[in-house]
Amino acid sequence: MTEPMYDGRVILKVDTDIRGTWALPGWEKVSVGRIANAGLHIPHSWVPSRLCRFIPYEMGWLVQAGRARLRVQNKHLGDHVFEARTIVALQPGRSTVTFPELDYLCQLGVVIGAGEAEGLPN
């Protein structure tokens, strides 16, 4: 998965704080959650230990919900809530992933594709 068409970046927003922008590696899964060895560690007690994970595949990225439902908003899906453990294929472009059952806002901005990340913080 070396084509820039499927390069991925993630921006994490917890409550009102933007916590940074990270590139998704094209060859391994990235977990998100409270567990200490998560690729994107969110150390708040209200965050599940395994919130979600990103999985690379030949046509982009999959996001798999963990223990909480997953809400995905993008131009391909519209605005849809998926049950826990569901796997969703993210298409090139921008997607917003949130978790409606959490006590506070936890939002992941996911950008896939060459040129799609223009204007985002580094």
N, C-alpha and C. Protein backbone atom coordinates (compact mmCIF):
# COMPACT_ATOMS: atom_id res chain seq x y z
N MET A 1 0.83 -1.18 0.00
CA MET A 1 0.00 0.00 0.00
C MET A 1 0.87 1.24 0.00
N THR A 2 1.61 1.47 -1.05
CA THR A 2 2.50 2.61 -1.11
C THR A 2 1.94 3.75 -1.94
N GLU A 3 0.81 3.54 -2.61
CA GLU A 3 0.25 4.59 -3.43
C GLU A 3 -0.29 5.72 -2.56
N PRO A 4 0.08 6.99 -2.89
CA PRO A 4 -0.43 8.10 -2.09
C PRO A 4 -1.94 8.24 -2.13
N MET A 5 -2.57 7.60 -3.11
CA MET A 5 -4.03 7.64 -3.21
C MET A 5 -4.68 7.12 -1.93
N TYR A 6 -4.01 6.22 -1.23
CA TYR A 6 -4.58 5.62 -0.03
C TYR A 6 -3.84 5.99 1.25
N ASP A 7 -2.96 6.97 1.19
CA ASP A 7 -2.30 7.44 2.42
C ASP A 7 -3.37 7.97 3.37
N GLY A 8 -3.18 7.73 4.65
CA GLY A 8 -4.17 8.17 5.62
C GLY A 8 -3.57 9.03 6.71
N ARG A 9 -4.35 10.00 7.17
CA ARG A 9 -3.99 10.84 8.31
C ARG A 9 -5.17 10.90 9.26
N VAL A 10 -4.87 11.01 10.55
CA VAL A 10 -5.91 11.06 11.57
C VAL A 10 -5.67 12.25 12.48
N ILE A 11 -6.73 12.98 12.77
CA ILE A 11 -6.70 14.08 13.73
C ILE A 11 -7.61 13.66 14.88
N LEU A 12 -7.12 13.78 16.10
CA LEU A 12 -7.89 13.39 17.29
C LEU A 12 -8.35 14.64 18.03
N LYS A 13 -9.65 14.70 18.32
CA LYS A 13 -10.21 15.76 19.14
C LYS A 13 -10.92 15.12 20.32
N VAL A 14 -10.52 15.48 21.53
CA VAL A 14 -11.13 14.97 22.75
C VAL A 14 -11.71 16.16 23.50
N ASP A 15 -13.02 16.15 23.68
CA ASP A 15 -13.75 17.26 24.28
C ASP A 15 -13.48 18.51 23.44
N THR A 16 -12.73 19.47 23.93
CA THR A 16 -12.44 20.68 23.14
C THR A 16 -10.99 20.74 22.68
N ASP A 17 -10.18 19.75 23.01
CA ASP A 17 -8.75 19.76 22.69
C ASP A 17 -8.45 18.95 21.44
N ILE A 18 -7.75 19.57 20.48
CA ILE A 18 -7.23 18.83 19.33
C ILE A 18 -5.86 18.30 19.75
N ARG A 19 -5.68 17.00 19.65
CA ARG A 19 -4.49 16.35 20.18
C ARG A 19 -3.41 16.06 19.14
N GLY A 20 -3.58 16.50 17.93
CA GLY A 20 -2.51 16.29 16.95
C GLY A 20 -2.99 15.62 15.69
N THR A 21 -2.07 15.51 14.75
CA THR A 21 -2.32 14.85 13.47
C THR A 21 -1.28 13.77 13.29
N TRP A 22 -1.71 12.57 12.93
CA TRP A 22 -0.80 11.44 12.74
C TRP A 22 -1.02 10.80 11.38
N ALA A 23 0.06 10.33 10.80
CA ALA A 23 -0.04 9.56 9.56
C ALA A 23 -0.32 8.11 9.93
N LEU A 24 -1.21 7.49 9.19
CA LEU A 24 -1.47 6.05 9.38
C LEU A 24 -0.42 5.27 8.60
N PRO A 25 0.23 4.29 9.22
CA PRO A 25 1.20 3.48 8.48
C PRO A 25 0.46 2.60 7.47
N GLY A 26 1.06 2.40 6.33
CA GLY A 26 0.38 1.63 5.30
C GLY A 26 0.48 0.14 5.44
N TRP A 27 1.06 -0.36 6.51
CA TRP A 27 1.33 -1.80 6.61
C TRP A 27 0.88 -2.43 7.92
N GLU A 28 0.33 -1.66 8.85
CA GLU A 28 -0.09 -2.27 10.12
C GLU A 28 -1.33 -1.60 10.69
N LYS A 29 -2.00 -2.30 11.59
CA LYS A 29 -3.20 -1.80 12.24
C LYS A 29 -2.80 -0.74 13.27
N VAL A 30 -3.73 0.18 13.51
CA VAL A 30 -3.52 1.21 14.53
C VAL A 30 -4.74 1.19 15.45
N SER A 31 -4.50 0.91 16.72
CA SER A 31 -5.60 0.88 17.68
C SER A 31 -5.77 2.25 18.33
N VAL A 32 -6.99 2.53 18.77
CA VAL A 32 -7.34 3.78 19.43
C VAL A 32 -8.09 3.42 20.69
N GLY A 33 -7.68 3.99 21.82
CA GLY A 33 -8.39 3.73 23.06
C GLY A 33 -7.59 4.04 24.31
N ARG A 34 -8.13 3.62 25.45
CA ARG A 34 -7.53 3.91 26.75
C ARG A 34 -6.38 2.97 27.09
N ILE A 35 -6.31 1.81 26.46
CA ILE A 35 -5.26 0.84 26.76
C ILE A 35 -3.89 1.48 26.49
N ALA A 36 -2.94 1.25 27.38
CA ALA A 36 -1.65 1.95 27.35
C ALA A 36 -0.87 1.75 26.06
N ASN A 37 -0.98 0.61 25.42
CA ASN A 37 -0.19 0.38 24.21
C ASN A 37 -0.96 0.68 22.92
N ALA A 38 -2.05 1.42 23.02
CA ALA A 38 -2.80 1.81 21.82
C ALA A 38 -1.96 2.76 20.97
N GLY A 39 -2.09 2.65 19.66
CA GLY A 39 -1.37 3.55 18.77
C GLY A 39 -1.76 5.00 19.01
N LEU A 40 -3.04 5.25 19.24
CA LEU A 40 -3.55 6.55 19.65
C LEU A 40 -4.14 6.37 21.05
N HIS A 41 -3.35 6.67 22.05
CA HIS A 41 -3.72 6.46 23.45
C HIS A 41 -4.54 7.66 23.94
N ILE A 42 -5.74 7.37 24.48
CA ILE A 42 -6.60 8.41 25.05
C ILE A 42 -6.80 8.03 26.52
N PRO A 43 -6.07 8.67 27.43
CA PRO A 43 -6.02 8.21 28.82
C PRO A 43 -7.17 8.66 29.73
N HIS A 44 -8.36 8.84 29.21
CA HIS A 44 -9.50 9.26 30.02
C HIS A 44 -10.32 8.05 30.45
N SER A 45 -10.82 8.07 31.68
CA SER A 45 -11.57 6.93 32.21
C SER A 45 -12.87 6.66 31.46
N TRP A 46 -13.43 7.65 30.81
CA TRP A 46 -14.69 7.48 30.08
C TRP A 46 -14.50 6.90 28.67
N VAL A 47 -13.25 6.73 28.26
CA VAL A 47 -12.96 6.16 26.94
C VAL A 47 -12.76 4.65 27.09
N PRO A 48 -13.42 3.83 26.27
CA PRO A 48 -13.21 2.38 26.34
C PRO A 48 -11.75 2.02 26.07
N SER A 49 -11.30 0.91 26.63
CA SER A 49 -9.92 0.49 26.42
C SER A 49 -9.64 0.23 24.94
N ARG A 50 -10.61 -0.27 24.22
CA ARG A 50 -10.49 -0.51 22.78
C ARG A 50 -11.63 0.21 22.06
N LEU A 51 -11.39 1.48 21.75
CA LEU A 51 -12.42 2.31 21.14
C LEU A 51 -12.65 1.93 19.68
N CYS A 52 -11.58 1.84 18.91
CA CYS A 52 -11.67 1.42 17.51
C CYS A 52 -10.26 1.08 17.02
N ARG A 53 -10.17 0.62 15.77
CA ARG A 53 -8.86 0.43 15.17
C ARG A 53 -8.95 0.64 13.67
N PHE A 54 -7.85 1.08 13.11
CA PHE A 54 -7.73 1.29 11.67
C PHE A 54 -6.94 0.14 11.09
N ILE A 55 -7.44 -0.40 9.99
CA ILE A 55 -6.83 -1.58 9.36
C ILE A 55 -6.59 -1.25 7.88
N PRO A 56 -5.32 -1.35 7.43
CA PRO A 56 -5.07 -1.09 6.02
C PRO A 56 -5.54 -2.25 5.15
N TYR A 57 -6.00 -1.94 3.96
CA TYR A 57 -6.31 -2.97 2.97
C TYR A 57 -5.98 -2.40 1.60
N GLU A 58 -6.05 -3.21 0.58
CA GLU A 58 -5.54 -2.82 -0.73
C GLU A 58 -6.22 -1.61 -1.36
N MET A 59 -7.40 -1.23 -0.89
CA MET A 59 -8.09 -0.08 -1.48
C MET A 59 -8.32 1.03 -0.48
N GLY A 60 -7.49 1.12 0.55
CA GLY A 60 -7.63 2.21 1.51
C GLY A 60 -7.55 1.76 2.95
N TRP A 61 -8.54 2.17 3.73
CA TRP A 61 -8.55 1.90 5.17
C TRP A 61 -9.91 1.43 5.63
N LEU A 62 -9.88 0.50 6.58
CA LEU A 62 -11.08 0.07 7.28
C LEU A 62 -11.01 0.65 8.69
N VAL A 63 -12.15 0.97 9.26
CA VAL A 63 -12.21 1.31 10.67
C VAL A 63 -13.15 0.30 11.32
N GLN A 64 -12.69 -0.30 12.41
CA GLN A 64 -13.50 -1.28 13.13
C GLN A 64 -13.89 -0.70 14.47
N ALA A 65 -15.19 -0.67 14.73
CA ALA A 65 -15.68 -0.20 16.02
C ALA A 65 -15.24 -1.17 17.11
N GLY A 66 -14.97 -0.64 18.27
CA GLY A 66 -14.63 -1.48 19.42
C GLY A 66 -15.88 -1.76 20.23
N ARG A 67 -15.88 -1.32 21.48
CA ARG A 67 -16.98 -1.61 22.39
C ARG A 67 -18.12 -0.60 22.33
N ALA A 68 -17.90 0.49 21.63
CA ALA A 68 -18.93 1.53 21.50
C ALA A 68 -19.39 1.62 20.05
N ARG A 69 -20.62 2.10 19.87
CA ARG A 69 -21.09 2.32 18.50
C ARG A 69 -20.25 3.41 17.85
N LEU A 70 -20.24 3.40 16.52
CA LEU A 70 -19.37 4.26 15.73
C LEU A 70 -20.23 5.07 14.76
N ARG A 71 -20.05 6.36 14.74
CA ARG A 71 -20.78 7.22 13.79
C ARG A 71 -19.79 7.71 12.74
N VAL A 72 -20.09 7.49 11.48
CA VAL A 72 -19.22 7.91 10.38
C VAL A 72 -19.99 8.90 9.51
N GLN A 73 -19.34 10.03 9.22
CA GLN A 73 -19.91 11.03 8.34
C GLN A 73 -18.92 11.29 7.21
N ASN A 74 -19.36 11.11 5.98
CA ASN A 74 -18.55 11.47 4.81
C ASN A 74 -19.44 11.55 3.59
N LYS A 75 -18.88 11.96 2.45
CA LYS A 75 -19.69 12.16 1.25
C LYS A 75 -20.20 10.85 0.65
N HIS A 76 -19.56 9.73 1.00
CA HIS A 76 -19.97 8.44 0.44
C HIS A 76 -21.08 7.78 1.26
N LEU A 77 -20.96 7.85 2.58
CA LEU A 77 -21.94 7.20 3.46
C LEU A 77 -23.03 8.15 3.94
N GLY A 78 -22.76 9.42 3.88
CA GLY A 78 -23.67 10.38 4.50
C GLY A 78 -23.37 10.42 5.99
N ASP A 79 -24.37 10.18 6.80
CA ASP A 79 -24.23 10.19 8.26
C ASP A 79 -24.88 8.91 8.78
N HIS A 80 -24.05 7.97 9.26
CA HIS A 80 -24.57 6.66 9.64
C HIS A 80 -23.93 6.18 10.93
N VAL A 81 -24.73 5.56 11.80
CA VAL A 81 -24.24 4.98 13.06
C VAL A 81 -24.16 3.47 12.89
N PHE A 82 -23.01 2.90 13.25
CA PHE A 82 -22.77 1.46 13.13
C PHE A 82 -22.67 0.85 14.53
N GLU A 83 -23.09 -0.38 14.65
CA GLU A 83 -23.04 -1.10 15.93
C GLU A 83 -21.60 -1.44 16.32
N ALA A 84 -21.40 -1.77 17.57
CA ALA A 84 -20.09 -2.18 18.08
C ALA A 84 -19.56 -3.35 17.25
N ARG A 85 -18.26 -3.38 17.07
CA ARG A 85 -17.53 -4.44 16.34
C ARG A 85 -17.70 -4.41 14.82
N THR A 86 -18.48 -3.46 14.29
CA THR A 86 -18.69 -3.36 12.85
C THR A 86 -17.42 -2.85 12.17
N ILE A 87 -17.16 -3.31 10.95
CA ILE A 87 -16.04 -2.85 10.15
C ILE A 87 -16.59 -2.02 8.99
N VAL A 88 -16.04 -0.82 8.81
CA VAL A 88 -16.51 0.11 7.78
C VAL A 88 -15.33 0.48 6.88
N ALA A 89 -15.52 0.40 5.56
CA ALA A 89 -14.49 0.81 4.61
C ALA A 89 -14.58 2.32 4.42
N LEU A 90 -13.46 3.00 4.62
CA LEU A 90 -13.39 4.44 4.41
C LEU A 90 -12.83 4.71 3.02
N GLN A 91 -13.48 5.56 2.28
CA GLN A 91 -13.09 5.88 0.92
C GLN A 91 -12.16 7.09 0.92
N PRO A 92 -11.41 7.30 -0.18
CA PRO A 92 -10.58 8.51 -0.26
C PRO A 92 -11.43 9.76 -0.04
N GLY A 93 -10.87 10.72 0.68
CA GLY A 93 -11.57 11.94 1.04
C GLY A 93 -11.53 12.13 2.55
N ARG A 94 -12.43 12.93 3.06
CA ARG A 94 -12.47 13.24 4.49
C ARG A 94 -13.66 12.55 5.15
N SER A 95 -13.42 11.98 6.31
CA SER A 95 -14.47 11.34 7.11
C SER A 95 -14.35 11.84 8.55
N THR A 96 -15.47 11.92 9.22
CA THR A 96 -15.50 12.24 10.64
C THR A 96 -16.06 11.03 11.36
N VAL A 97 -15.33 10.56 12.37
CA VAL A 97 -15.74 9.40 13.16
C VAL A 97 -15.95 9.85 14.59
N THR A 98 -17.14 9.61 15.14
CA THR A 98 -17.44 9.93 16.53
C THR A 98 -18.08 8.71 17.19
N PHE A 99 -18.29 8.82 18.48
CA PHE A 99 -18.80 7.70 19.28
C PHE A 99 -19.95 8.22 20.14
N PRO A 100 -21.19 8.05 19.69
CA PRO A 100 -22.34 8.68 20.34
C PRO A 100 -22.60 8.25 21.77
N GLU A 101 -22.09 7.11 22.20
CA GLU A 101 -22.38 6.62 23.55
C GLU A 101 -21.42 7.15 24.62
N LEU A 102 -20.35 7.82 24.23
CA LEU A 102 -19.38 8.30 25.21
C LEU A 102 -19.91 9.53 25.94
N ASP A 103 -19.41 9.76 27.16
CA ASP A 103 -19.85 10.89 27.98
C ASP A 103 -19.44 12.24 27.40
N TYR A 104 -18.31 12.28 26.72
CA TYR A 104 -17.78 13.51 26.15
C TYR A 104 -17.43 13.27 24.68
N LEU A 105 -17.21 14.36 23.96
CA LEU A 105 -16.87 14.25 22.54
C LEU A 105 -15.51 13.61 22.36
N CYS A 106 -15.47 12.61 21.52
CA CYS A 106 -14.22 11.99 21.07
C CYS A 106 -14.39 11.85 19.56
N GLN A 107 -13.62 12.65 18.82
CA GLN A 107 -13.81 12.72 17.38
C GLN A 107 -12.49 12.45 16.67
N LEU A 108 -12.58 11.65 15.63
CA LEU A 108 -11.43 11.37 14.78
C LEU A 108 -11.73 11.92 13.39
N GLY A 109 -10.88 12.81 12.93
CA GLY A 109 -10.96 13.28 11.56
C GLY A 109 -10.02 12.42 10.74
N VAL A 110 -10.53 11.73 9.74
CA VAL A 110 -9.73 10.81 8.94
C VAL A 110 -9.67 11.34 7.52
N VAL A 111 -8.45 11.46 7.02
CA VAL A 111 -8.25 11.96 5.66
C VAL A 111 -7.48 10.89 4.89
N ILE A 112 -8.04 10.47 3.77
CA ILE A 112 -7.40 9.43 2.95
C ILE A 112 -7.22 9.98 1.54
N GLY A 113 -5.98 9.89 1.05
CA GLY A 113 -5.71 10.26 -0.33
C GLY A 113 -4.75 11.41 -0.49
N ALA A 114 -4.06 11.41 -1.61
CA ALA A 114 -3.10 12.46 -1.94
C ALA A 114 -3.85 13.77 -2.14
N GLY A 115 -3.34 14.83 -1.51
CA GLY A 115 -3.93 16.15 -1.68
C GLY A 115 -5.16 16.39 -0.83
N GLU A 116 -5.71 15.39 -0.21
CA GLU A 116 -6.93 15.56 0.60
C GLU A 116 -6.65 16.23 1.93
N ALA A 117 -5.41 16.19 2.41
CA ALA A 117 -5.08 16.71 3.73
C ALA A 117 -4.65 18.18 3.70
N GLU A 118 -4.73 18.82 2.56
CA GLU A 118 -4.32 20.22 2.47
C GLU A 118 -5.15 21.07 3.43
N GLY A 119 -4.45 21.94 4.15
CA GLY A 119 -5.11 22.83 5.09
C GLY A 119 -5.25 22.25 6.49
N LEU A 120 -4.86 21.00 6.69
CA LEU A 120 -4.93 20.40 8.02
C LEU A 120 -3.66 20.73 8.79
N PRO A 121 -3.72 20.77 10.14
CA PRO A 121 -2.51 21.00 10.92
C PRO A 121 -1.50 19.87 10.71
N ASN A 122 -0.22 20.17 10.78
CA ASN A 122 0.83 19.16 10.61
C ASN A 122 1.10 18.43 11.89
